[in-house]
């Protein structure tokens, strides 16, 4: 059986040769307006073959680990498929984590080649100057592209016959609650992910996708879906220009789009202010951080022909479960509304197993050592299945800590807390590392923050550990509600204290703080860095811990 997903592109090139594979915007020159161009599946497949030929000529071969420093877009899609086709191993690291950390990750993964633009290659050669890979740096410039075009149509390559457990790629975590780690993806896992996504969301060939996370664009040729390259800075997704995104959705009749809750909240506000509907959208897939129920309810109003889905997962295991906004709105009512007892993230995907176990801080050697929580009891979430990674790259200690051995496979410890209801739905309560132990008990981030997030003047909140059994709440007010005077601060704090006293879960919280913007993850700009926020505030207050 052929597990190499690059083979799907060649199949699409034969089945639907003239169908659009990629649509991208460009400006021919400074004085002309922006225009759209496209590449068919046949043209994309031919370009991939030409790239394979050039990479082989330049010394990239089966098993070569290749650090990708290519901006999301057409070039990245072509290059990744070419590397997979010849059996090389793309190494994907978030550029937003900072240059020092970025290149430390590259060294850790023992890359053998680098591919990127002129500026990126210059940086790589400096930071990796003592590494052998610096000698094998491929610059994607005009000269390189001219060489590749000379090979167009001259050579055809069959995809490398990948075995199920052959290493396909190394994808780094964002490092939201710890050090970024390289996750080993096998060809079997990519294959299983594509099948699972297609079946779960009923994606059909000919659909049009606007992916606001670059990695999701890589699946589209395998799904027969056209990719519209978004006009945005991939390292700063929260700074998108919503007009550009909405114009692209309307102009290209986009049917599918992925983005974080932060991105979609920006798009929603634009649609509300301009009264613009998005009738072409069949589905929005929203992930990267818990999606506020209010966002789902309001965005649905602007998608008259579509549905929103909120898959749950991580770099190490994706997807684990999924739920539609309609189901969330139906389930999260009364005492469960707005995340008060966690966010419902759905039932397990086909062939995925989920357990909620009593939390452990150290290594759990085998599944026989776990103690499963009763229905409704919050515990640590573990998962297994064909899309769940089995190890970290070059990090045996991290692998040992995050994996639980079973008969011939491993369960992954998600690092999240949650509970299972009687119907088999999983409820996410927050990161294990971010929960706060107080004198009154353990507080979960999602559950506590939901209480304060309902206040009109609050954009979002963050539960933090102040040490010595005390919890605090940090508020990011709405832009026009930030307190400017000491009286305004005290008035706002009284409002928050009254809110806290109104619920037994938060009644013990007496410390409140304000920030104009929270520190967030580099990938989605959506996950709050509660640990760094807590550290900064403890330092301001000269508290220990």
Protein backbone atom coordinates (compact mmCIF):
# COMPACT_ATOMS: atom_id res chain seq x y z
CA UNK A 1 0.00 0.00 0.00
CA UNK A 2 1.26 3.48 -0.89
CA UNK A 3 1.21 5.67 2.26
CA UNK A 4 3.06 8.63 0.74
CA UNK A 5 0.44 11.42 0.62
CA UNK A 6 2.27 13.19 -2.22
CA UNK A 7 0.83 10.45 -4.42
CA UNK A 8 -2.62 12.04 -3.96
CA UNK A 9 -1.47 15.06 -5.98
CA UNK A 10 -0.50 12.93 -8.98
CA UNK A 11 -3.87 11.19 -8.72
CA UNK A 12 -5.70 14.54 -8.75
CA UNK A 13 -3.57 15.68 -11.71
CA UNK A 14 -4.86 12.69 -13.68
CA UNK A 15 -8.48 12.87 -12.50
CA UNK A 16 -8.98 16.65 -12.58
CA UNK A 17 -6.01 18.05 -14.54
CA UNK A 18 -7.46 21.50 -15.29
CA UNK A 19 -9.18 22.08 -11.94
CA UNK A 20 -7.69 24.87 -9.84
CA UNK A 21 -5.21 23.63 -7.24
CA UNK A 22 -3.93 26.99 -5.95
CA UNK A 23 -5.19 30.57 -6.27
CA UNK A 24 -2.87 33.35 -5.19
CA UNK A 25 -2.81 37.13 -5.38
CA UNK A 26 0.04 39.05 -6.99
CA UNK A 27 1.01 42.49 -8.27
CA UNK A 28 2.80 42.37 -11.63
CA UNK A 29 4.39 45.73 -10.81
CA UNK A 30 4.08 48.64 -8.41
CA UNK A 31 1.56 50.69 -10.37
CA UNK A 32 -0.96 47.99 -11.28
CA UNK A 33 -3.70 46.76 -8.93
CA UNK A 34 -3.57 43.37 -7.23
CA UNK A 35 -4.80 40.47 -9.31
CA UNK A 36 -5.40 36.75 -8.81
CA UNK A 37 -3.64 33.93 -10.64
CA UNK A 38 -4.06 30.19 -10.42
CA UNK A 39 -2.32 26.87 -10.93
CA UNK A 40 -4.15 23.71 -12.01
CA UNK A 41 -3.51 20.30 -10.48
CA UNK A 42 -1.68 19.28 -13.67
CA UNK A 43 0.54 22.38 -13.48
CA UNK A 44 1.18 21.91 -9.75
CA UNK A 45 2.14 18.27 -10.25
CA UNK A 46 4.51 19.22 -13.08
CA UNK A 47 6.12 21.91 -10.93
CA UNK A 48 6.58 19.40 -8.10
CA UNK A 49 8.35 17.00 -10.49
CA UNK A 50 10.62 19.82 -11.68
CA UNK A 51 11.46 20.65 -8.06
CA UNK A 52 12.19 16.98 -7.30
CA UNK A 53 14.66 16.98 -10.20
CA UNK A 54 16.36 20.15 -8.97
CA UNK A 55 16.53 19.00 -5.34
CA UNK A 56 18.08 15.68 -6.33
CA UNK A 57 20.65 17.56 -8.40
CA UNK A 58 21.45 19.74 -5.36
CA UNK A 59 22.04 16.79 -3.06
CA UNK A 60 18.67 16.45 -1.30
CA UNK A 61 17.76 12.78 -1.21
CA UNK A 62 15.63 10.23 0.57
CA UNK A 63 15.98 10.67 4.35
CA UNK A 64 17.55 14.16 4.19
CA UNK A 65 16.13 16.36 6.93
CA UNK A 66 15.29 19.73 5.38
CA UNK A 67 14.70 22.86 7.46
CA UNK A 68 11.89 24.84 5.83
CA UNK A 69 12.26 28.62 5.96
CA UNK A 70 9.79 29.33 3.18
CA UNK A 71 6.89 31.76 3.58
CA UNK A 72 3.43 30.12 3.45
CA UNK A 73 2.00 30.20 -0.03
CA UNK A 74 2.49 28.58 -3.41
CA UNK A 75 6.24 28.02 -2.97
CA UNK A 76 5.76 26.21 0.35
CA UNK A 77 3.05 23.91 -1.02
CA UNK A 78 5.17 22.95 -4.05
CA UNK A 79 8.33 22.43 -2.01
CA UNK A 80 6.72 20.26 0.67
CA UNK A 81 5.10 17.98 -1.90
CA UNK A 82 8.41 17.69 -3.76
CA UNK A 83 10.26 16.74 -0.56
CA UNK A 84 7.65 14.17 0.40
CA UNK A 85 7.67 12.77 -3.12
CA UNK A 86 11.41 12.11 -3.10
CA UNK A 87 11.35 10.84 0.49
CA UNK A 88 13.10 13.75 2.21
CA UNK A 89 11.89 14.85 5.66
CA UNK A 90 10.59 18.45 6.02
CA UNK A 91 11.35 20.02 9.41
CA UNK A 92 8.69 22.66 10.25
CA UNK A 93 9.32 25.16 13.05
CA UNK A 94 7.28 28.26 13.98
CA UNK A 95 9.26 31.37 12.96
CA UNK A 96 7.50 33.49 15.57
CA UNK A 97 9.27 31.83 18.50
CA UNK A 98 12.40 33.97 18.00
CA UNK A 99 15.54 33.35 15.99
CA UNK A 100 17.60 31.88 18.81
CA UNK A 101 14.98 29.30 19.79
CA UNK A 102 14.16 28.62 16.13
CA UNK A 103 17.71 27.61 15.27
CA UNK A 104 18.19 25.68 18.51
CA UNK A 105 15.23 23.55 17.38
CA UNK A 106 16.90 23.12 13.97
CA UNK A 107 20.14 21.94 15.60
CA UNK A 108 18.21 19.55 17.81
CA UNK A 109 16.60 17.94 14.75
CA UNK A 110 19.96 17.50 12.99
CA UNK A 111 18.83 19.04 9.71
CA UNK A 112 20.94 18.21 6.66
CA UNK A 113 19.74 20.96 4.33
CA UNK A 114 17.98 24.32 4.44
CA UNK A 115 15.48 25.80 1.99
CA UNK A 116 14.38 29.43 2.16
CA UNK A 117 14.41 32.92 0.74
CA UNK A 118 17.56 35.03 0.48
CA UNK A 119 17.19 36.75 3.87
CA UNK A 120 16.25 33.50 5.62
CA UNK A 121 19.25 31.63 4.21
CA UNK A 122 21.58 34.46 5.26
CA UNK A 123 20.28 34.17 8.84
CA UNK A 124 20.50 30.38 8.77
CA UNK A 125 24.10 30.42 7.60
CA UNK A 126 25.01 32.72 10.48
CA UNK A 127 23.19 30.84 13.24
CA UNK A 128 24.14 27.41 11.89
CA UNK A 129 27.61 28.34 10.65
CA UNK A 130 29.26 25.52 12.62
CA UNK A 131 26.80 22.94 11.29
CA UNK A 132 27.30 20.91 8.14
CA UNK A 133 23.78 21.78 6.93
CA UNK A 134 24.87 25.42 6.34
CA UNK A 135 26.85 24.16 3.36
CA UNK A 136 23.71 22.69 1.83
CA UNK A 137 21.51 25.80 1.77
CA UNK A 138 19.10 26.22 -1.13
CA UNK A 139 18.00 29.79 -1.82
CA UNK A 140 14.56 30.18 -3.38
CA UNK A 141 15.27 33.20 -5.55
CA UNK A 142 14.68 34.18 -9.17
CA UNK A 143 17.74 32.22 -10.38
CA UNK A 144 16.55 29.04 -8.63
CA UNK A 145 13.07 29.40 -10.10
CA UNK A 146 14.48 29.85 -13.63
CA UNK A 147 16.45 26.62 -13.24
CA UNK A 148 13.36 24.75 -12.04
CA UNK A 149 11.25 26.02 -14.95
CA UNK A 150 13.79 24.56 -17.39
CA UNK A 151 12.84 21.11 -16.10
CA UNK A 152 9.07 21.61 -16.42
CA UNK A 153 7.59 18.66 -18.30
CA UNK A 154 11.02 17.08 -18.87
CA UNK A 155 10.88 14.55 -16.02
CA UNK A 156 8.18 12.62 -14.22
CA UNK A 157 8.83 11.02 -10.85
CA UNK A 158 6.88 8.39 -8.98
CA UNK A 159 6.35 9.06 -5.29
CA UNK A 160 8.80 7.32 -2.97
CA UNK A 161 7.20 4.02 -1.87
CA UNK A 162 6.88 4.93 1.79
CA UNK A 163 6.31 2.27 4.40
CA UNK A 164 3.70 3.02 7.05
CA UNK A 165 6.18 3.84 9.81
CA UNK A 166 8.76 5.70 7.70
CA UNK A 167 9.45 9.21 9.04
CA UNK A 168 7.59 11.74 6.89
CA UNK A 169 8.16 15.05 8.70
CA UNK A 170 9.20 16.67 11.96
CA UNK A 171 6.65 19.26 13.12
CA UNK A 172 7.52 21.39 16.14
CA UNK A 173 5.03 22.26 18.86
CA UNK A 174 4.48 25.96 19.55
CA UNK A 175 5.96 25.66 23.04
CA UNK A 176 2.92 27.34 24.65
CA UNK A 177 3.50 25.80 28.11
CA UNK A 178 7.09 24.61 27.79
CA UNK A 179 9.97 24.08 25.43
CA UNK A 180 9.06 23.53 21.77
CA UNK A 181 9.52 19.88 20.80
CA UNK A 182 9.88 18.18 17.43
CA UNK A 183 7.07 15.71 16.80
CA UNK A 184 7.80 12.74 14.54
CA UNK A 185 5.12 12.26 11.87
CA UNK A 186 5.09 9.02 9.92
CA UNK A 187 3.61 8.57 6.46
CA UNK A 188 0.85 6.41 7.99
CA UNK A 189 -0.18 9.31 10.23
CA UNK A 190 -0.44 11.85 7.41
CA UNK A 191 -2.44 9.30 5.40
CA UNK A 192 -4.79 8.67 8.36
CA UNK A 193 -5.23 12.40 9.02
CA UNK A 194 -6.32 13.07 5.45
CA UNK A 195 -8.84 10.23 5.51
CA UNK A 196 -10.20 11.32 8.90
CA UNK A 197 -10.57 14.99 7.92
CA UNK A 198 -12.25 14.15 4.62
CA UNK A 199 -14.73 11.75 6.22
CA UNK A 200 -15.50 13.87 9.29
CA UNK A 201 -16.15 17.12 7.42
CA UNK A 202 -17.51 15.62 4.19
CA UNK A 203 -15.01 17.54 2.05
CA UNK A 204 -15.56 17.06 -1.68
CA UNK A 205 -13.19 17.58 -4.64
CA UNK A 206 -13.68 21.00 -6.19
CA UNK A 207 -14.14 22.85 -2.91
CA UNK A 208 -12.17 26.04 -2.23
CA UNK A 209 -10.21 26.50 0.99
CA UNK A 210 -8.72 29.61 2.63
CA UNK A 211 -6.35 28.15 5.27
CA UNK A 212 -5.13 30.67 7.85
CA UNK A 213 -2.60 28.19 9.21
CA UNK A 214 -0.07 27.12 6.59
CA UNK A 215 0.10 23.45 7.54
CA UNK A 216 -3.57 22.94 6.65
CA UNK A 217 -2.88 24.01 3.06
CA UNK A 218 -0.66 20.98 2.64
CA UNK A 219 -3.59 18.57 2.87
CA UNK A 220 -5.68 20.27 0.21
CA UNK A 221 -4.20 18.75 -2.98
CA UNK A 222 -4.75 15.32 -1.44
CA UNK A 223 -8.39 16.25 -0.77
CA UNK A 224 -8.93 17.64 -4.28
CA UNK A 225 -9.57 21.05 -2.72
CA UNK A 226 -8.31 24.31 -4.20
CA UNK A 227 -6.13 26.43 -1.90
CA UNK A 228 -6.55 30.21 -1.84
CA UNK A 229 -3.38 31.66 -0.33
CA UNK A 230 -4.45 34.21 2.33
CA UNK A 231 -2.98 37.71 2.39
CA UNK A 232 -1.60 37.76 5.92
CA UNK A 233 1.60 37.59 7.94
CA UNK A 234 1.76 33.95 9.09
CA UNK A 235 3.87 34.85 12.14
CA UNK A 236 1.30 37.44 13.29
CA UNK A 237 -2.14 35.96 12.52
CA UNK A 238 -3.88 38.22 15.05
CA UNK A 239 -2.81 41.25 12.94
CA UNK A 240 -4.78 40.22 9.86
CA UNK A 241 -6.56 42.79 7.73
CA UNK A 242 -10.13 41.41 7.87
CA UNK A 243 -11.15 43.26 4.70
CA UNK A 244 -8.54 41.35 2.68
CA UNK A 245 -9.70 38.02 4.11
CA UNK A 246 -13.40 38.73 3.58
CA UNK A 247 -12.80 40.06 0.04
CA UNK A 248 -10.89 36.88 -0.77
CA UNK A 249 -13.68 34.67 0.59
CA UNK A 250 -16.25 36.50 -1.52
CA UNK A 251 -14.12 36.86 -4.68
CA UNK A 252 -13.03 33.21 -4.76
CA UNK A 253 -16.27 31.71 -3.43
CA UNK A 254 -14.42 30.02 -0.58
CA UNK A 255 -16.29 27.04 0.89
CA UNK A 256 -13.92 26.03 3.70
CA UNK A 257 -11.60 27.97 6.03
CA UNK A 258 -9.43 27.23 9.05
CA UNK A 259 -8.44 29.82 11.64
CA UNK A 260 -8.10 30.45 15.36
CA UNK A 261 -10.86 32.07 17.47
CA UNK A 262 -8.80 35.29 17.58
CA UNK A 263 -8.76 35.49 13.76
CA UNK A 264 -12.47 34.77 13.44
CA UNK A 265 -13.39 37.30 16.11
CA UNK A 266 -11.60 39.97 14.02
CA UNK A 267 -13.39 38.81 10.86
CA UNK A 268 -16.73 38.76 12.71
CA UNK A 269 -16.36 42.35 13.93
CA UNK A 270 -15.61 43.48 10.36
CA UNK A 271 -18.64 41.61 8.98
CA UNK A 272 -20.83 43.14 11.70
CA UNK A 273 -19.58 46.69 11.07
CA UNK A 274 -19.97 46.37 7.27
CA UNK A 275 -23.04 44.10 7.36
CA UNK A 276 -21.36 41.57 5.05
CA UNK A 277 -22.62 37.99 4.81
CA UNK A 278 -20.45 34.99 3.86
CA UNK A 279 -22.87 32.81 1.86
CA UNK A 280 -20.27 30.64 0.11
CA UNK A 281 -18.81 29.22 3.34
CA UNK A 282 -19.93 25.63 3.95
CA UNK A 283 -17.71 25.17 6.99
CA UNK A 284 -15.34 27.04 9.25
CA UNK A 285 -12.91 24.93 11.24
CA UNK A 286 -11.90 26.84 14.36
CA UNK A 287 -9.07 25.63 16.60
CA UNK A 288 -5.87 26.67 18.34
CA UNK A 289 -7.59 27.77 21.57
CA UNK A 290 -11.02 27.38 23.17
CA UNK A 291 -13.67 29.08 21.04
CA UNK A 292 -15.99 31.37 23.05
CA UNK A 293 -19.62 30.29 22.76
CA UNK A 294 -20.66 33.87 22.01
CA UNK A 295 -18.28 33.95 19.02
CA UNK A 296 -19.78 30.75 17.61
CA UNK A 297 -23.34 32.03 18.06
CA UNK A 298 -22.65 35.37 16.38
CA UNK A 299 -20.47 34.08 13.53
CA UNK A 300 -23.14 31.53 12.55
CA UNK A 301 -25.46 34.44 11.76
CA UNK A 302 -23.09 35.55 8.98
CA UNK A 303 -22.78 32.02 7.50
CA UNK A 304 -26.32 31.32 6.26
CA UNK A 305 -25.24 28.20 4.36
CA UNK A 306 -22.51 26.91 6.64
CA UNK A 307 -21.52 25.36 9.93
CA UNK A 308 -18.64 25.95 12.37
CA UNK A 309 -16.62 23.05 13.76
CA UNK A 310 -14.23 23.12 16.72
CA UNK A 311 -11.85 20.13 16.52
CA UNK A 312 -9.77 19.28 19.58
CA UNK A 313 -6.20 18.09 19.28
CA UNK A 314 -2.54 19.04 19.43
CA UNK A 315 0.54 18.82 17.23
CA UNK A 316 1.09 15.36 18.73
CA UNK A 317 -2.47 14.17 18.08
CA UNK A 318 -4.72 15.76 15.49
CA UNK A 319 -7.65 15.53 15.27
CA UNK A 320 -8.88 13.83 18.47
CA UNK A 321 -12.51 14.92 18.53
CA UNK A 322 -14.79 17.45 16.86
CA UNK A 323 -18.13 19.16 17.43
CA UNK A 324 -20.29 21.58 15.47
CA UNK A 325 -21.27 24.99 16.79
CA UNK A 326 -24.92 23.94 16.62
CA UNK A 327 -24.20 20.99 18.94
CA UNK A 328 -22.15 23.17 21.29
CA UNK A 329 -24.93 25.73 21.59
CA UNK A 330 -27.41 22.91 22.30
CA UNK A 331 -25.19 21.25 24.91
CA UNK A 332 -23.64 24.25 26.69
CA UNK A 333 -26.81 25.56 28.37
CA UNK A 334 -27.79 26.37 31.95
CA UNK A 335 -24.95 25.57 34.34
CA UNK A 336 -22.82 24.39 31.39
CA UNK A 337 -23.18 27.60 29.37
CA UNK A 338 -20.18 29.57 28.08
CA UNK A 339 -17.56 27.16 29.42
CA UNK A 340 -18.59 27.35 33.10
CA UNK A 341 -17.73 23.64 33.42
CA UNK A 342 -15.38 23.45 30.45
CA UNK A 343 -15.80 23.57 26.68
CA UNK A 344 -17.46 20.59 25.05
CA UNK A 345 -15.11 19.33 22.32
CA UNK A 346 -17.16 16.38 21.07
CA UNK A 347 -16.91 12.63 20.81
CA UNK A 348 -13.76 10.79 19.76
CA UNK A 349 -13.11 10.67 16.01
CA UNK A 350 -13.34 7.24 14.32
CA UNK A 351 -10.54 4.89 15.48
CA UNK A 352 -9.48 7.38 18.19
CA UNK A 353 -9.67 6.38 21.87
CA UNK A 354 -9.91 8.88 24.73
CA UNK A 355 -9.52 8.29 28.44
CA UNK A 356 -9.68 10.67 31.40
CA UNK A 357 -7.34 9.50 34.16
CA UNK A 358 -6.28 10.61 37.61
CA UNK A 359 -3.49 13.18 37.09
CA UNK A 360 0.11 12.12 37.60
CA UNK A 361 3.15 14.40 37.60
CA UNK A 362 5.81 11.87 36.64
CA UNK A 363 6.23 9.06 34.14
CA UNK A 364 3.38 6.56 33.69
CA UNK A 365 5.16 3.43 32.34
CA UNK A 366 2.19 1.43 31.02
CA UNK A 367 -1.56 1.72 30.62
CA UNK A 368 -1.91 -0.77 33.48
CA UNK A 369 -0.66 1.99 35.83
CA UNK A 370 -3.43 4.49 35.07
CA UNK A 371 -6.51 5.04 37.19
CA UNK A 372 -9.49 6.03 35.09
CA UNK A 373 -11.75 8.81 36.37
CA UNK A 374 -15.45 8.27 36.83
CA UNK A 375 -17.91 9.99 34.48
CA UNK A 376 -18.12 13.70 35.26
CA UNK A 377 -14.84 13.82 37.21
CA UNK A 378 -12.09 16.14 35.96
CA UNK A 379 -8.81 14.40 35.18
CA UNK A 380 -5.88 14.23 32.74
CA UNK A 381 -6.75 13.50 29.09
CA UNK A 382 -4.90 10.74 27.21
CA UNK A 383 -5.52 9.60 23.62
CA UNK A 384 -4.49 6.88 21.18
CA UNK A 385 -5.13 6.05 17.54
CA UNK A 386 -3.65 6.14 14.02
CA UNK A 387 -3.21 9.95 14.05
CA UNK A 388 -1.46 10.01 17.44
CA UNK A 389 2.32 10.44 17.31
CA UNK A 390 4.49 7.87 19.06
CA UNK A 391 7.64 9.87 19.91
CA UNK A 392 9.41 13.20 20.00
CA UNK A 393 12.47 13.79 17.86
CA UNK A 394 15.81 13.35 19.67
CA UNK A 395 14.07 13.79 23.07
CA UNK A 396 13.82 10.38 24.80
CA UNK A 397 13.07 11.92 28.22
CA UNK A 398 10.17 14.00 26.85
CA UNK A 399 8.87 10.95 25.00
CA UNK A 400 9.00 8.87 28.18
CA UNK A 401 7.11 11.54 30.13
CA UNK A 402 4.42 12.11 27.49
CA UNK A 403 3.75 8.57 26.31
CA UNK A 404 2.14 5.58 28.03
CA UNK A 405 2.97 2.15 26.63
CA UNK A 406 0.21 -0.24 25.65
CA UNK A 407 0.29 -3.45 23.61
CA UNK A 408 2.33 -2.44 20.56
CA UNK A 409 1.55 1.29 20.68
CA UNK A 410 1.56 4.35 22.93
CA UNK A 411 -1.10 6.60 24.42
CA UNK A 412 -0.27 10.33 24.34
CA UNK A 413 -0.75 12.50 27.42
CA UNK A 414 -2.35 15.67 26.05
CA UNK A 415 -1.26 17.84 28.96
CA UNK A 416 -4.90 18.94 29.26
CA UNK A 417 -7.57 18.53 31.92
CA UNK A 418 -11.15 17.53 31.17
CA UNK A 419 -14.03 15.24 31.91
CA UNK A 420 -16.31 12.84 30.05
CA UNK A 421 -20.08 13.05 30.22
CA UNK A 422 -22.52 10.14 30.17
CA UNK A 423 -23.05 10.47 26.41
CA UNK A 424 -19.32 10.08 25.71
CA UNK A 425 -18.63 13.77 25.00
CA UNK A 426 -15.31 15.20 26.16
CA UNK A 427 -15.21 18.54 28.02
CA UNK A 428 -11.95 20.53 27.98
CA UNK A 429 -11.12 22.45 31.18
CA UNK A 430 -7.64 23.82 30.43
CA UNK A 431 -3.95 23.00 30.46
CA UNK A 432 -2.69 20.80 33.28
CA UNK A 433 0.37 23.03 33.82
CA UNK A 434 -1.80 26.15 34.19
CA UNK A 435 -4.35 25.02 36.78
CA UNK A 436 -3.97 26.68 40.17
CA UNK A 437 -3.87 24.90 43.52
CA UNK A 438 -5.36 27.12 46.22
CA UNK A 439 -6.17 26.62 49.90
CA UNK A 440 -9.78 26.00 48.84
CA UNK A 441 -8.94 23.46 46.09
CA UNK A 442 -7.80 23.20 42.47
CA UNK A 443 -9.03 25.78 39.97
CA UNK A 444 -9.19 25.03 36.23
CA UNK A 445 -8.49 27.89 33.83
CA UNK A 446 -11.37 27.54 31.37
CA UNK A 447 -14.01 27.07 34.08
CA UNK A 448 -12.93 30.09 36.16
CA UNK A 449 -12.27 32.42 33.25
CA UNK A 450 -15.72 31.72 31.78
CA UNK A 451 -17.29 33.48 34.77
CA UNK A 452 -15.43 36.76 34.15
CA UNK A 453 -15.53 36.59 30.34
CA UNK A 454 -19.30 37.18 30.42
CA UNK A 455 -18.85 40.76 31.67
CA UNK A 456 -19.44 43.32 28.90
CA UNK A 457 -16.23 45.23 29.59
CA UNK A 458 -14.02 42.10 29.53
CA UNK A 459 -12.38 40.93 26.29
CA UNK A 460 -10.85 37.89 28.00
CA UNK A 461 -9.38 36.84 31.33
CA UNK A 462 -6.57 34.62 32.61
CA UNK A 463 -6.36 32.63 35.82
CA UNK A 464 -2.87 32.81 37.33
CA UNK A 465 -1.02 31.30 40.27
CA UNK A 466 0.23 33.91 42.76
CA UNK A 467 1.82 31.26 44.97
CA UNK A 468 1.16 30.37 48.61
CA UNK A 469 -2.28 29.01 47.79
CA UNK A 470 -3.55 32.19 46.11
CA UNK A 471 -5.09 32.58 42.67
CA UNK A 472 -5.49 35.80 40.73
CA UNK A 473 -7.37 36.92 37.64
CA UNK A 474 -5.81 39.06 34.94
CA UNK A 475 -8.24 41.00 32.75
CA UNK A 476 -7.72 42.13 29.16
CA UNK A 477 -10.51 44.73 28.92
CA UNK A 478 -12.32 45.65 25.75
CA UNK A 479 -10.34 48.32 23.90
CA UNK A 480 -12.52 51.23 25.08
CA UNK A 481 -12.93 49.94 28.65
CA UNK A 482 -9.36 49.95 29.97
CA UNK A 483 -9.32 51.83 33.32
CA UNK A 484 -7.33 55.06 32.98
CA UNK A 485 -7.47 56.39 36.55
CA UNK A 486 -7.07 54.87 40.01
CA UNK A 487 -10.78 55.41 40.70
CA UNK A 488 -11.61 53.58 37.47
CA UNK A 489 -9.28 50.73 38.48
CA UNK A 490 -10.93 50.39 41.87
CA UNK A 491 -14.41 50.54 40.35
CA UNK A 492 -13.51 47.84 37.81
CA UNK A 493 -11.98 45.66 40.54
CA UNK A 494 -15.15 45.96 42.65
CA UNK A 495 -17.18 44.81 39.65
CA UNK A 496 -14.84 41.81 39.24
CA UNK A 497 -14.94 40.98 42.96
CA UNK A 498 -18.75 41.05 42.95
CA UNK A 499 -18.67 38.76 39.92
CA UNK A 500 -16.28 36.37 41.70
CA UNK A 501 -18.47 36.26 44.81
CA UNK A 502 -21.45 35.35 42.64
CA UNK A 503 -20.07 31.88 41.96
CA UNK A 504 -18.72 29.36 44.54
CA UNK A 505 -15.94 28.39 42.11
CA UNK A 506 -14.35 31.86 42.14
CA UNK A 507 -15.53 33.21 45.50
CA UNK A 508 -12.06 32.89 47.03
CA UNK A 509 -10.35 35.03 44.31
CA UNK A 510 -9.56 38.52 45.62
CA UNK A 511 -6.63 39.64 43.44
CA UNK A 512 -7.31 41.28 40.07
CA UNK A 513 -4.92 42.77 37.52
CA UNK A 514 -5.14 44.42 34.09
CA UNK A 515 -3.20 44.07 30.86
CA UNK A 516 -3.86 45.81 27.55
CA UNK A 517 -2.75 42.67 25.71
CA UNK A 518 -1.91 39.15 26.85
CA UNK A 519 1.22 37.26 25.84
CA UNK A 520 0.07 34.58 23.40
CA UNK A 521 1.40 31.62 21.42
CA UNK A 522 3.32 32.20 18.19
CA UNK A 523 1.26 29.86 16.02
CA UNK A 524 -2.33 31.03 16.46
CA UNK A 525 -1.84 34.16 18.62
CA UNK A 526 -4.75 32.71 20.59
CA UNK A 527 -3.46 30.62 23.50
CA UNK A 528 -2.71 32.79 26.52
CA UNK A 529 0.74 32.35 28.09
CA UNK A 530 -0.63 32.20 31.63
CA UNK A 531 2.63 30.95 33.12
CA UNK A 532 4.68 33.89 31.82
CA UNK A 533 1.86 36.26 32.78
CA UNK A 534 1.88 34.87 36.33
CA UNK A 535 5.67 35.15 36.56
CA UNK A 536 5.62 38.81 35.45
CA UNK A 537 2.93 39.76 37.98
CA UNK A 538 4.63 37.89 40.84
CA UNK A 539 7.81 39.81 40.03
CA UNK A 540 5.90 43.12 40.03
CA UNK A 541 4.42 42.28 43.44
CA UNK A 542 7.76 40.90 44.67
CA UNK A 543 6.13 37.57 45.48
CA UNK A 544 8.12 34.34 45.59
CA UNK A 545 7.54 31.41 43.23
